[in-house]
Amino acid sequence: MILEFPPYYSKFQCVAGNCPDTCCRDWELDLDDETYYRYQVVPGPLGEKIRGLIREEDGYRFFPLTKEGFCPFYDGSDGLCGLIKKLGPDILCQACDEYPRYFGCCGNYEQRDLSLSCPEAGRLFFETPGIPRILRVELPDSEEQDPLTKEETDRLQAVLAERNRVLESLRGAAGEDLEEALKAAGIFFPAAPQEVADLCNKQEEMNTRWEAQKAGILAAAAHYADWNEAFVRAVPKEQDWFFKLAAYFVFRYWIDAYFAENEELDFAPQIRLTCRCLVQLRLMCLAAFHEKGHFTVEDMVWTAHLFSRQVEHSDQNVALFKH
């Protein structure tokens, strides 16, 4: 078994009630079968409450959100999960237990990373200097893994080789102009600010703050030249942050090419996604900078958090950016 992950991955630890936001907001998470059956035997009034809240639609089981948009077990008094407080962390469903970690698996290969939708994960990401080199660990194979055929193995190796080439190219160009670096790496797509802003009206709404964010994006696109010039002049670290973000998208999404139905590998969808994500993130940064008059690494973490919640946690929105 081969695992690949960035160095900050293993440093993550949930800050729980000290988080500036909560992952218990806006998302209705599917209950996996193991958790569902575990909930059937929770005793007492709490068990009855759990079972009474579970809903099932189209073969999926979930807890519906409250009218305020929170998980029904979220405790707003301290920002903690009521189920953990009463029953311990083992009571969580798979989705809650794993978040913000995500996994991409192909036979005996697995890549792991943290989602920037989690502010603490974002803090670790942006505080890690430069574009981190991916760590590789080999473990004994599991009998549960289906081995890849030679053709599948060759395809996977080709995907990883291209991903590594792009990451190395970006790493070598760090500190230079990002657009030129993307062109040199062969992953540039001319995503114009107004074109990306227009995609806002097509996106699935993934959080209750999206309308306000969308207004800022549209304003930033309309004033892009002036706002971006002021932003670049006032925020010297912005180029470093956006190089890191480009590498983040490459590591996270290049593996999708392995699963595509095309016989020949095609990274064009991932390239379009990466460049559009970078532009929407920049528009969100410009809107925040214009509103506040300054922009710190904490603002970058928060902007990436809002972006990731809106785009990366929606298959529909990811597909829209790839198209």
C-alpha atoms as a PDB file:
ATOM      1  CA  MET A   1       0.000   0.000   0.000  1.00  0.00           C
ATOM      2  CA  ILE A   2       1.409   3.373  -1.035  1.00  0.00           C
ATOM      3  CA  LEU A   3       0.233   6.507   0.758  1.00  0.00           C
ATOM      4  CA  GLU A   4       1.035  10.047  -0.402  1.00  0.00           C
ATOM      5  CA  PHE A   5       0.210  13.168   1.576  1.00  0.00           C
ATOM      6  CA  PRO A   6       1.571  16.669   2.307  1.00  0.00           C
ATOM      7  CA  PRO A   7       3.622  17.156   5.497  1.00  0.00           C
ATOM      8  CA  TYR A   8       0.946  19.234   7.236  1.00  0.00           C
ATOM      9  CA  TYR A   9      -1.604  16.400   6.905  1.00  0.00           C
ATOM     10  CA  SER A  10      -0.442  14.515   9.993  1.00  0.00           C
ATOM     11  CA  LYS A  11      -0.303  17.717  12.072  1.00  0.00           C
ATOM     12  CA  PHE A  12      -4.035  18.355  11.950  1.00  0.00           C
ATOM     13  CA  GLN A  13      -5.998  18.329  15.171  1.00  0.00           C
ATOM     14  CA  CYS A  14      -9.541  19.666  15.429  1.00  0.00           C
ATOM     15  CA  VAL A  15      -9.731  22.802  17.600  1.00  0.00           C
ATOM     16  CA  ALA A  16     -13.418  22.086  18.331  1.00  0.00           C
ATOM     17  CA  GLY A  17     -15.080  24.984  20.157  1.00  0.00           C
ATOM     18  CA  ASN A  18     -12.170  27.320  19.357  1.00  0.00           C
ATOM     19  CA  CYS A  19     -12.863  27.115  15.614  1.00  0.00           C
ATOM     20  CA  PRO A  20     -13.956  30.436  14.057  1.00  0.00           C
ATOM     21  CA  ASP A  21     -16.663  28.545  12.137  1.00  0.00           C
ATOM     22  CA  THR A  22     -18.258  25.116  12.472  1.00  0.00           C
ATOM     23  CA  CYS A  23     -18.476  22.116  10.164  1.00  0.00           C
ATOM     24  CA  CYS A  24     -21.879  21.437  11.787  1.00  0.00           C
ATOM     25  CA  ARG A  25     -23.398  24.201   9.639  1.00  0.00           C
ATOM     26  CA  ASP A  26     -24.976  24.111   6.167  1.00  0.00           C
ATOM     27  CA  TRP A  27     -24.146  20.483   5.323  1.00  0.00           C
ATOM     28  CA  GLU A  28     -26.566  17.556   5.515  1.00  0.00           C
ATOM     29  CA  LEU A  29     -24.266  14.563   5.767  1.00  0.00           C
ATOM     30  CA  ASP A  30     -25.187  11.036   4.743  1.00  0.00           C
ATOM     31  CA  LEU A  31     -25.133   8.439   7.502  1.00  0.00           C
ATOM     32  CA  ASP A  32     -23.098   5.392   6.547  1.00  0.00           C
ATOM     33  CA  ASP A  33     -24.673   1.991   7.229  1.00  0.00           C
ATOM     34  CA  GLU A  34     -22.386   1.133  10.148  1.00  0.00           C
ATOM     35  CA  THR A  35     -23.269   4.367  11.946  1.00  0.00           C
ATOM     36  CA  TYR A  36     -26.966   3.988  11.183  1.00  0.00           C
ATOM     37  CA  TYR A  37     -27.083   0.541  12.780  1.00  0.00           C
ATOM     38  CA  ARG A  38     -25.008   1.747  15.719  1.00  0.00           C
ATOM     39  CA  TYR A  39     -27.562   4.489  16.322  1.00  0.00           C
ATOM     40  CA  GLN A  40     -30.323   1.870  16.476  1.00  0.00           C
ATOM     41  CA  VAL A  41     -28.994   0.545  19.782  1.00  0.00           C
ATOM     42  CA  VAL A  42     -28.182   3.821  21.573  1.00  0.00           C
ATOM     43  CA  PRO A  43     -30.249   3.543  24.775  1.00  0.00           C
ATOM     44  CA  GLY A  44     -32.473   6.033  26.580  1.00  0.00           C
ATOM     45  CA  PRO A  45     -33.986   9.370  25.543  1.00  0.00           C
ATOM     46  CA  LEU A  46     -30.903  10.347  23.508  1.00  0.00           C
ATOM     47  CA  GLY A  47     -31.185   7.187  21.428  1.00  0.00           C
ATOM     48  CA  GLU A  48     -34.858   7.911  20.849  1.00  0.00           C
ATOM     49  CA  LYS A  49     -34.018  11.467  19.775  1.00  0.00           C
ATOM     50  CA  ILE A  50     -31.338  10.241  17.369  1.00  0.00           C
ATOM     51  CA  ARG A  51     -33.616   7.704  15.731  1.00  0.00           C
ATOM     52  CA  GLY A  52     -36.503  10.164  15.609  1.00  0.00           C
ATOM     53  CA  LEU A  53     -34.436  12.706  13.680  1.00  0.00           C
ATOM     54  CA  ILE A  54     -33.064  10.393  10.996  1.00  0.00           C
ATOM     55  CA  ARG A  55     -34.630  10.951   7.585  1.00  0.00           C
ATOM     56  CA  GLU A  56     -34.321   8.790   4.473  1.00  0.00           C
ATOM     57  CA  GLU A  57     -34.666  10.011   0.879  1.00  0.00           C
ATOM     58  CA  ASP A  58     -33.590   8.330  -2.362  1.00  0.00           C
ATOM     59  CA  GLY A  59     -31.759   5.632  -0.418  1.00  0.00           C
ATOM     60  CA  TYR A  60     -29.746   8.084   1.708  1.00  0.00           C
ATOM     61  CA  ARG A  61     -30.089   8.544   5.455  1.00  0.00           C
ATOM     62  CA  PHE A  62     -29.285  11.865   7.114  1.00  0.00           C
ATOM     63  CA  PHE A  63     -30.105  14.328   9.879  1.00  0.00           C
ATOM     64  CA  PRO A  64     -32.049  17.307   8.461  1.00  0.00           C
ATOM     65  CA  LEU A  65     -30.639  20.697   9.410  1.00  0.00           C
ATOM     66  CA  THR A  66     -32.414  23.033  11.785  1.00  0.00           C
ATOM     67  CA  LYS A  67     -34.135  26.119  10.375  1.00  0.00           C
ATOM     68  CA  GLU A  68     -30.950  28.053  11.281  1.00  0.00           C
ATOM     69  CA  GLY A  69     -28.922  25.651   9.110  1.00  0.00           C
ATOM     70  CA  PHE A  70     -27.132  23.644  11.819  1.00  0.00           C
ATOM     71  CA  CYS A  71     -26.910  19.942  12.612  1.00  0.00           C
ATOM     72  CA  PRO A  72     -29.598  19.211  15.228  1.00  0.00           C
ATOM     73  CA  PHE A  73     -26.901  17.997  17.628  1.00  0.00           C
ATOM     74  CA  TYR A  74     -24.748  21.126  17.360  1.00  0.00           C
ATOM     75  CA  ASP A  75     -24.441  22.881  20.737  1.00  0.00           C
ATOM     76  CA  GLY A  76     -24.245  26.595  20.059  1.00  0.00           C
ATOM     77  CA  SER A  77     -23.300  27.388  23.651  1.00  0.00           C
ATOM     78  CA  ASP A  78     -19.780  26.042  23.201  1.00  0.00           C
ATOM     79  CA  GLY A  79     -19.564  25.156  19.497  1.00  0.00           C
ATOM     80  CA  LEU A  80     -19.256  21.441  20.213  1.00  0.00           C
ATOM     81  CA  CYS A  81     -21.068  18.329  18.994  1.00  0.00           C
ATOM     82  CA  GLY A  82     -23.716  17.236  21.469  1.00  0.00           C
ATOM     83  CA  LEU A  83     -23.289  13.595  20.500  1.00  0.00           C
ATOM     84  CA  ILE A  84     -19.562  13.646  21.255  1.00  0.00           C
ATOM     85  CA  LYS A  85     -20.178  15.387  24.569  1.00  0.00           C
ATOM     86  CA  LYS A  86     -22.585  12.664  25.685  1.00  0.00           C
ATOM     87  CA  LEU A  87     -21.355   9.526  23.919  1.00  0.00           C
ATOM     88  CA  GLY A  88     -17.727  10.186  22.940  1.00  0.00           C
ATOM     89  CA  PRO A  89     -16.035  10.592  19.519  1.00  0.00           C
ATOM     90  CA  ASP A  90     -16.684   6.993  18.450  1.00  0.00           C
ATOM     91  CA  ILE A  91     -20.366   7.850  17.977  1.00  0.00           C
ATOM     92  CA  LEU A  92     -19.667  10.037  14.932  1.00  0.00           C
ATOM     93  CA  CYS A  93     -20.623   8.984  11.423  1.00  0.00           C
ATOM     94  CA  GLN A  94     -17.820   8.323   8.951  1.00  0.00           C
ATOM     95  CA  ALA A  95     -18.164  11.705   7.213  1.00  0.00           C
ATOM     96  CA  CYS A  96     -17.876  13.680  10.470  1.00  0.00           C
ATOM     97  CA  ASP A  97     -15.097  11.483  11.810  1.00  0.00           C
ATOM     98  CA  GLU A  98     -12.923  11.860   8.700  1.00  0.00           C
ATOM     99  CA  TYR A  99     -13.487  15.566   7.972  1.00  0.00           C
ATOM    100  CA  PRO A 100     -11.495  17.597   6.908  1.00  0.00           C
ATOM    101  CA  ARG A 101      -9.417  14.694   5.631  1.00  0.00           C
ATOM    102  CA  TYR A 102     -10.147  13.314   2.184  1.00  0.00           C
ATOM    103  CA  PHE A 103      -8.854  10.272   0.374  1.00  0.00           C
ATOM    104  CA  GLY A 104      -8.296   9.347  -3.260  1.00  0.00           C
ATOM    105  CA  CYS A 105      -7.891   5.591  -3.715  1.00  0.00           C
ATOM    106  CA  CYS A 106      -6.770   3.514  -6.696  1.00  0.00           C
ATOM    107  CA  GLY A 107      -6.027  -0.110  -5.865  1.00  0.00           C
ATOM    108  CA  ASN A 108      -3.052  -0.148  -3.510  1.00  0.00           C
ATOM    109  CA  TYR A 109      -2.461   3.602  -3.937  1.00  0.00           C
ATOM    110  CA  GLU A 110      -4.059   6.290  -1.793  1.00  0.00           C
ATOM    111  CA  GLN A 111      -3.512  10.047  -1.658  1.00  0.00           C
ATOM    112  CA  ARG A 112      -4.601  12.044   1.376  1.00  0.00           C
ATOM    113  CA  ASP A 113      -4.957  15.730   2.085  1.00  0.00           C
ATOM    114  CA  LEU A 114      -6.914  18.230   4.151  1.00  0.00           C
ATOM    115  CA  SER A 115      -9.749  20.332   2.787  1.00  0.00           C
ATOM    116  CA  LEU A 116      -9.282  24.090   2.969  1.00  0.00           C
ATOM    117  CA  SER A 117     -12.934  24.368   4.009  1.00  0.00           C
ATOM    118  CA  CYS A 118     -11.661  23.718   7.536  1.00  0.00           C
ATOM    119  CA  PRO A 119     -10.067  26.897   8.958  1.00  0.00           C
ATOM    120  CA  GLU A 120      -7.564  24.958  11.047  1.00  0.00           C
ATOM    121  CA  ALA A 121      -6.502  22.927   8.010  1.00  0.00           C
ATOM    122  CA  GLY A 122      -6.164  26.200   6.106  1.00  0.00           C
ATOM    123  CA  ARG A 123      -3.995  27.649   8.852  1.00  0.00           C
ATOM    124  CA  LEU A 124      -1.628  24.675   8.635  1.00  0.00           C
ATOM    125  CA  PHE A 125      -1.609  24.913   4.844  1.00  0.00           C
ATOM    126  CA  PHE A 126      -0.786  28.608   4.572  1.00  0.00           C
ATOM    127  CA  GLU A 127       1.709  28.577   7.437  1.00  0.00           C
ATOM    128  CA  THR A 128       3.712  25.774   5.792  1.00  0.00           C
ATOM    129  CA  PRO A 129       6.542  27.508   3.869  1.00  0.00           C
ATOM    130  CA  GLY A 130       6.568  27.264   0.089  1.00  0.00           C
ATOM    131  CA  ILE A 131       5.033  24.442  -1.922  1.00  0.00           C
ATOM    132  CA  PRO A 132       5.497  21.377   0.292  1.00  0.00           C
ATOM    133  CA  ARG A 133       6.962  18.213  -1.130  1.00  0.00           C
ATOM    134  CA  ILE A 134       4.603  15.256  -1.036  1.00  0.00           C
ATOM    135  CA  LEU A 135       5.526  12.534   1.446  1.00  0.00           C
ATOM    136  CA  ARG A 136       5.362   8.903   0.328  1.00  0.00           C
ATOM    137  CA  VAL A 137       4.947   5.954   2.698  1.00  0.00           C
ATOM    138  CA  GLU A 138       4.761   2.268   1.813  1.00  0.00           C
ATOM    139  CA  LEU A 139       2.685  -0.042   4.002  1.00  0.00           C
ATOM    140  CA  PRO A 140       1.777  -3.759   3.732  1.00  0.00           C
ATOM    141  CA  ASP A 141      -1.058  -4.341   1.261  1.00  0.00           C
ATOM    142  CA  SER A 142      -4.508  -5.085   2.618  1.00  0.00           C
ATOM    143  CA  GLU A 143      -6.449  -8.148   1.486  1.00  0.00           C
ATOM    144  CA  GLU A 144      -9.477  -5.868   0.991  1.00  0.00           C
ATOM    145  CA  GLN A 145      -7.754  -3.963  -1.821  1.00  0.00           C
ATOM    146  CA  ASP A 146      -8.464  -5.023  -5.370  1.00  0.00           C
ATOM    147  CA  PRO A 147      -5.138  -5.143  -7.219  1.00  0.00           C
ATOM    148  CA  LEU A 148      -4.824  -3.027 -10.348  1.00  0.00           C
ATOM    149  CA  THR A 149      -4.258  -4.625 -13.722  1.00  0.00           C
ATOM    150  CA  LYS A 150      -1.061  -3.774 -15.593  1.00  0.00           C
ATOM    151  CA  GLU A 151      -3.035  -1.389 -17.802  1.00  0.00           C
ATOM    152  CA  GLU A 152      -4.552   0.319 -14.758  1.00  0.00           C
ATOM    153  CA  THR A 153      -1.166   0.510 -13.050  1.00  0.00           C
ATOM    154  CA  ASP A 154       0.383   2.107 -16.123  1.00  0.00           C
ATOM    155  CA  ARG A 155      -2.452   4.640 -16.289  1.00  0.00           C
ATOM    156  CA  LEU A 156      -2.069   5.518 -12.618  1.00  0.00           C
ATOM    157  CA  GLN A 157       1.691   5.902 -12.931  1.00  0.00           C
ATOM    158  CA  ALA A 158       1.217   8.209 -15.909  1.00  0.00           C
ATOM    159  CA  VAL A 159      -1.203  10.387 -13.926  1.00  0.00           C
ATOM    160  CA  LEU A 160       1.133  10.604 -10.945  1.00  0.00           C
ATOM    161  CA  ALA A 161       4.140  11.336 -13.162  1.00  0.00           C
ATOM    162  CA  GLU A 162       2.309  14.222 -14.842  1.00  0.00           C
ATOM    163  CA  ARG A 163       1.117  15.541 -11.492  1.00  0.00           C
ATOM    164  CA  ASN A 164       4.640  15.425 -10.091  1.00  0.00           C
ATOM    165  CA  ARG A 165       6.017  17.156 -13.177  1.00  0.00           C
ATOM    166  CA  VAL A 166       3.552  20.020 -12.782  1.00  0.00           C
ATOM    167  CA  LEU A 167       4.226  20.354  -9.057  1.00  0.00           C
ATOM    168  CA  GLU A 168       7.976  20.444  -9.640  1.00  0.00           C
ATOM    169  CA  SER A 169       7.538  23.062 -12.359  1.00  0.00           C
ATOM    170  CA  LEU A 170       5.478  25.267 -10.028  1.00  0.00           C
ATOM    171  CA  ARG A 171       7.949  24.753  -7.222  1.00  0.00           C
ATOM    172  CA  GLY A 172      10.826  25.832  -9.435  1.00  0.00           C
ATOM    173  CA  ALA A 173       8.971  28.967 -10.550  1.00  0.00           C
ATOM    174  CA  ALA A 174       7.880  30.097  -7.079  1.00  0.00           C
ATOM    175  CA  GLY A 175       8.373  33.830  -6.688  1.00  0.00           C
ATOM    176  CA  GLU A 176       7.878  34.525 -10.378  1.00  0.00           C
ATOM    177  CA  ASP A 177       4.692  35.628 -12.160  1.00  0.00           C
ATOM    178  CA  LEU A 178       1.997  33.003 -11.527  1.00  0.00           C
ATOM    179  CA  GLU A 179       0.413  33.209 -14.970  1.00  0.00           C
ATOM    180  CA  GLU A 180       3.782  32.670 -16.618  1.00  0.00           C
ATOM    181  CA  ALA A 181       4.480  29.792 -14.246  1.00  0.00           C
ATOM    182  CA  LEU A 182       1.170  28.135 -15.160  1.00  0.00           C
ATOM    183  CA  LYS A 183       1.992  28.559 -18.851  1.00  0.00           C
ATOM    184  CA  ALA A 184       5.471  27.098 -18.355  1.00  0.00           C
ATOM    185  CA  ALA A 185       3.942  24.114 -16.559  1.00  0.00           C
ATOM    186  CA  GLY A 186       1.468  23.622 -19.402  1.00  0.00           C
ATOM    187  CA  ILE A 187      -1.596  24.151 -17.210  1.00  0.00           C
ATOM    188  CA  PHE A 188      -2.757  27.640 -18.102  1.00  0.00           C
ATOM    189  CA  PHE A 189      -6.370  28.288 -19.074  1.00  0.00           C
ATOM    190  CA  PRO A 190      -7.466  31.887 -19.807  1.00  0.00           C
ATOM    191  CA  ALA A 191     -10.214  32.175 -17.213  1.00  0.00           C
ATOM    192  CA  ALA A 192     -11.283  35.818 -17.361  1.00  0.00           C
ATOM    193  CA  PRO A 193     -12.538  37.395 -14.106  1.00  0.00           C
ATOM    194  CA  GLN A 194     -15.932  38.253 -15.614  1.00  0.00           C
ATOM    195  CA  GLU A 195     -16.359  34.737 -17.023  1.00  0.00           C
ATOM    196  CA  VAL A 196     -15.674  33.225 -13.619  1.00  0.00           C
ATOM    197  CA  ALA A 197     -17.954  35.749 -11.921  1.00  0.00           C
ATOM    198  CA  ASP A 198     -20.735  34.759 -14.322  1.00  0.00           C
ATOM    199  CA  LEU A 199     -20.395  31.165 -13.090  1.00  0.00           C
ATOM    200  CA  CYS A 200     -21.614  32.357  -9.683  1.00  0.00           C
ATOM    201  CA  ASN A 201     -25.206  32.373 -10.914  1.00  0.00           C
ATOM    202  CA  LYS A 202     -24.874  28.741 -12.012  1.00  0.00           C
ATOM    203  CA  GLN A 203     -23.357  27.384  -8.808  1.00  0.00           C
ATOM    204  CA  GLU A 204     -25.254  25.227  -6.363  1.00  0.00           C
ATOM    205  CA  GLU A 205     -25.610  27.179  -3.126  1.00  0.00           C
ATOM    206  CA  MET A 206     -23.615  25.342  -0.464  1.00  0.00           C
ATOM    207  CA  ASN A 207     -23.732  27.781   2.443  1.00  0.00           C
ATOM    208  CA  THR A 208     -26.073  30.405   3.836  1.00  0.00           C
ATOM    209  CA  ARG A 209     -23.485  33.147   3.246  1.00  0.00           C
ATOM    210  CA  TRP A 210     -23.209  32.587  -0.488  1.00  0.00           C
ATOM    211  CA  GLU A 211     -25.396  35.496  -1.609  1.00  0.00           C
ATOM    212  CA  ALA A 212     -23.152  38.011   0.184  1.00  0.00           C
ATOM    213  CA  GLN A 213     -20.036  36.320  -1.182  1.00  0.00           C
ATOM    214  CA  LYS A 214     -21.475  36.335  -4.707  1.00  0.00           C
ATOM    215  CA  ALA A 215     -22.127  40.070  -4.536  1.00  0.00           C
ATOM    216  CA  GLY A 216     -18.495  40.650  -3.586  1.00  0.00           C
ATOM    217  CA  ILE A 217     -17.249  38.472  -6.444  1.00  0.00           C
ATOM    218  CA  LEU A 218     -19.367  40.322  -9.002  1.00  0.00           C
ATOM    219  CA  ALA A 219     -18.157  43.700  -7.695  1.00  0.00           C
ATOM    220  CA  ALA A 220     -14.517  42.567  -7.794  1.00  0.00           C
ATOM    221  CA  ALA A 221     -14.892  41.394 -11.395  1.00  0.00           C
ATOM    222  CA  ALA A 222     -16.396  44.734 -12.394  1.00  0.00           C
ATOM    223  CA  HIS A 223     -13.480  46.651 -10.835  1.00  0.00           C
ATOM    224  CA  TYR A 224     -10.828  43.977 -11.382  1.00  0.00           C
ATOM    225  CA  ALA A 225      -7.971  46.060 -12.789  1.00  0.00           C
ATOM    226  CA  ASP A 226      -8.011  48.732 -10.092  1.00  0.00           C
ATOM    227  CA  TRP A 227      -8.793  46.439  -7.171  1.00  0.00           C
ATOM    228  CA  ASN A 228      -6.181  43.862  -8.183  1.00  0.00           C
ATOM    229  CA  GLU A 229      -3.483  46.509  -8.628  1.00  0.00           C
ATOM    230  CA  ALA A 230      -4.165  47.837  -5.123  1.00  0.00           C
ATOM    231  CA  PHE A 231      -4.244  44.303  -3.696  1.00  0.00           C
ATOM    232  CA  VAL A 232      -0.916  43.268  -5.241  1.00  0.00           C
ATOM    233  CA  ARG A 233       0.717  46.484  -4.066  1.00  0.00           C
ATOM    234  CA  ALA A 234      -0.559  46.143  -0.473  1.00  0.00           C
ATOM    235  CA  VAL A 235      -0.224  42.368   0.041  1.00  0.00           C
ATOM    236  CA  PRO A 236       3.304  41.182  -0.854  1.00  0.00           C
ATOM    237  CA  LYS A 237       2.569  37.578   0.226  1.00  0.00           C
ATOM    238  CA  GLU A 238      -0.316  37.111  -2.202  1.00  0.00           C
ATOM    239  CA  GLN A 239       1.869  35.592  -4.928  1.00  0.00           C
ATOM    240  CA  ASP A 240       3.233  32.969  -2.535  1.00  0.00           C
ATOM    241  CA  TRP A 241      -0.280  32.080  -1.382  1.00  0.00           C
ATOM    242  CA  PHE A 242      -1.583  31.653  -4.911  1.00  0.00           C
ATOM    243  CA  PHE A 243       1.359  29.468  -5.928  1.00  0.00           C
ATOM    244  CA  LYS A 244       0.508  27.239  -2.968  1.00  0.00           C
ATOM    245  CA  LEU A 245      -3.143  27.186  -3.983  1.00  0.00           C
ATOM    246  CA  ALA A 246      -2.255  26.182  -7.534  1.00  0.00           C
ATOM    247  CA  ALA A 247      -0.219  23.267  -6.168  1.00  0.00           C
ATOM    248  CA  TYR A 248      -3.087  22.326  -3.826  1.00  0.00           C
ATOM    249  CA  PHE A 249      -5.518  22.015  -6.742  1.00  0.00           C
ATOM    250  CA  VAL A 250      -3.015  20.023  -8.796  1.00  0.00           C
ATOM    251  CA  PHE A 251      -2.413  17.516  -6.010  1.00  0.00           C
ATOM    252  CA  ARG A 252      -6.082  17.201  -5.179  1.00  0.00           C
ATOM    253  CA  TYR A 253      -7.626  16.960  -8.649  1.00  0.00           C
ATOM    254  CA  TRP A 254      -5.076  15.509 -11.088  1.00  0.00           C
ATOM    255  CA  ILE A 255      -5.978  12.026  -9.831  1.00  0.00           C
ATOM    256  CA  ASP A 256      -9.459  12.543 -11.323  1.00  0.00           C
ATOM    257  CA  ALA A 257      -7.953  11.983 -14.768  1.00  0.00           C
ATOM    258  CA  TYR A 258      -7.334   8.351 -13.810  1.00  0.00           C
ATOM    259  CA  PHE A 259     -11.051   7.742 -13.294  1.00  0.00           C
ATOM    260  CA  ALA A 260     -12.212   9.583 -16.436  1.00  0.00           C
ATOM    261  CA  GLU A 261     -13.718   7.444 -19.172  1.00  0.00           C
ATOM    262  CA  ASN A 262     -11.329   8.769 -21.826  1.00  0.00           C
ATOM    263  CA  GLU A 263      -8.987   6.100 -23.145  1.00  0.00           C
ATOM    264  CA  GLU A 264      -6.271   8.733 -23.540  1.00  0.00           C
ATOM    265  CA  LEU A 265      -5.389  10.739 -20.446  1.00  0.00           C
ATOM    266  CA  ASP A 266      -6.876  14.219 -20.594  1.00  0.00           C
ATOM    267  CA  PHE A 267      -5.978  16.820 -17.990  1.00  0.00           C
ATOM    268  CA  ALA A 268      -7.900  19.659 -19.645  1.00  0.00           C
ATOM    269  CA  PRO A 269     -10.819  19.472 -17.143  1.00  0.00           C
ATOM    270  CA  GLN A 270      -8.400  19.684 -14.221  1.00  0.00           C
ATOM    271  CA  ILE A 271      -6.581  22.614 -15.837  1.00  0.00           C
ATOM    272  CA  ARG A 272      -9.825  24.536 -16.348  1.00  0.00           C
ATOM    273  CA  LEU A 273     -10.866  23.766 -12.769  1.00  0.00           C
ATOM    274  CA  THR A 274      -7.535  24.920 -11.337  1.00  0.00           C
ATOM    275  CA  CYS A 275      -7.444  28.209 -13.218  1.00  0.00           C
ATOM    276  CA  ARG A 276     -11.087  29.050 -12.543  1.00  0.00           C
ATOM    277  CA  CYS A 277     -10.651  28.239  -8.850  1.00  0.00           C
ATOM    278  CA  LEU A 278      -7.638  30.548  -8.675  1.00  0.00           C
ATOM    279  CA  VAL A 279      -9.607  33.368 -10.315  1.00  0.00           C
ATOM    280  CA  GLN A 280     -12.655  32.980  -8.061  1.00  0.00           C
ATOM    281  CA  LEU A 281     -10.393  32.898  -5.025  1.00  0.00           C
ATOM    282  CA  ARG A 282      -8.659  36.067  -6.205  1.00  0.00           C
ATOM    283  CA  LEU A 283     -12.005  37.802  -6.737  1.00  0.00           C
ATOM    284  CA  MET A 284     -13.027  36.837  -3.203  1.00  0.00           C
ATOM    285  CA  CYS A 285      -9.712  38.153  -1.873  1.00  0.00           C
ATOM    286  CA  LEU A 286     -10.170  41.430  -3.734  1.00  0.00           C
ATOM    287  CA  ALA A 287     -13.678  41.849  -2.329  1.00  0.00           C
ATOM    288  CA  ALA A 288     -12.472  41.233   1.230  1.00  0.00           C
ATOM    289  CA  PHE A 289      -9.489  43.566   0.780  1.00  0.00           C
ATOM    290  CA  HIS A 290     -11.672  46.326  -0.695  1.00  0.00           C
ATOM    291  CA  GLU A 291     -14.093  46.042   2.217  1.00  0.00           C
ATOM    292  CA  LYS A 292     -11.485  45.914   5.004  1.00  0.00           C
ATOM    293  CA  GLY A 293      -8.619  47.957   3.553  1.00  0.00           C
ATOM    294  CA  HIS A 294      -6.077  45.302   4.540  1.00  0.00           C
ATOM    295  CA  PHE A 295      -5.535  41.571   4.043  1.00  0.00           C
ATOM    296  CA  THR A 296      -3.580  39.211   6.308  1.00  0.00           C
ATOM    297  CA  VAL A 297      -2.813  35.500   6.250  1.00  0.00           C
ATOM    298  CA  GLU A 298      -5.808  35.056   8.546  1.00  0.00           C
ATOM    299  CA  ASP A 299      -7.946  36.675   5.856  1.00  0.00           C
ATOM    300  CA  MET A 300      -6.447  34.324   3.273  1.00  0.00           C
ATOM    301  CA  VAL A 301      -7.283  31.312   5.437  1.00  0.00           C
ATOM    302  CA  TRP A 302     -10.850  32.554   5.881  1.00  0.00           C
ATOM    303  CA  THR A 303     -11.328  33.311   2.181  1.00  0.00           C
ATOM    304  CA  ALA A 304     -10.049  29.865   1.180  1.00  0.00           C
ATOM    305  CA  HIS A 305     -12.372  28.371   3.796  1.00  0.00           C
ATOM    306  CA  LEU A 306     -15.422  30.106   2.326  1.00  0.00           C
ATOM    307  CA  PHE A 307     -14.389  29.242  -1.230  1.00  0.00           C
ATOM    308  CA  SER A 308     -13.812  25.580  -0.462  1.00  0.00           C
ATOM    309  CA  ARG A 309     -17.152  25.211   1.342  1.00  0.00           C
ATOM    310  CA  GLN A 310     -18.923  26.660  -1.675  1.00  0.00           C
ATOM    311  CA  VAL A 311     -17.070  24.969  -4.537  1.00  0.00           C
ATOM    312  CA  GLU A 312     -15.154  21.904  -3.402  1.00  0.00           C
ATOM    313  CA  HIS A 313     -17.982  20.357  -1.384  1.00  0.00           C
ATOM    314  CA  SER A 314     -20.338  20.316  -4.347  1.00  0.00           C
ATOM    315  CA  ASP A 315     -19.848  17.774  -7.127  1.00  0.00           C
ATOM    316  CA  GLN A 316     -22.068  20.004  -9.262  1.00  0.00           C
ATOM    317  CA  ASN A 317     -19.852  23.062  -8.744  1.00  0.00           C
ATOM    318  CA  VAL A 318     -16.629  21.136  -9.325  1.00  0.00           C
ATOM    319  CA  ALA A 319     -18.080  19.776 -12.570  1.00  0.00           C
ATOM    320  CA  LEU A 320     -19.120  23.318 -13.562  1.00  0.00           C
ATOM    321  CA  PHE A 321     -15.542  24.545 -13.110  1.00  0.00           C
ATOM    322  CA  LYS A 322     -14.173  21.596 -15.091  1.00  0.00           C
ATOM    323  CA  HIS A 323     -16.520  22.004 -18.047  1.00  0.00           C
END
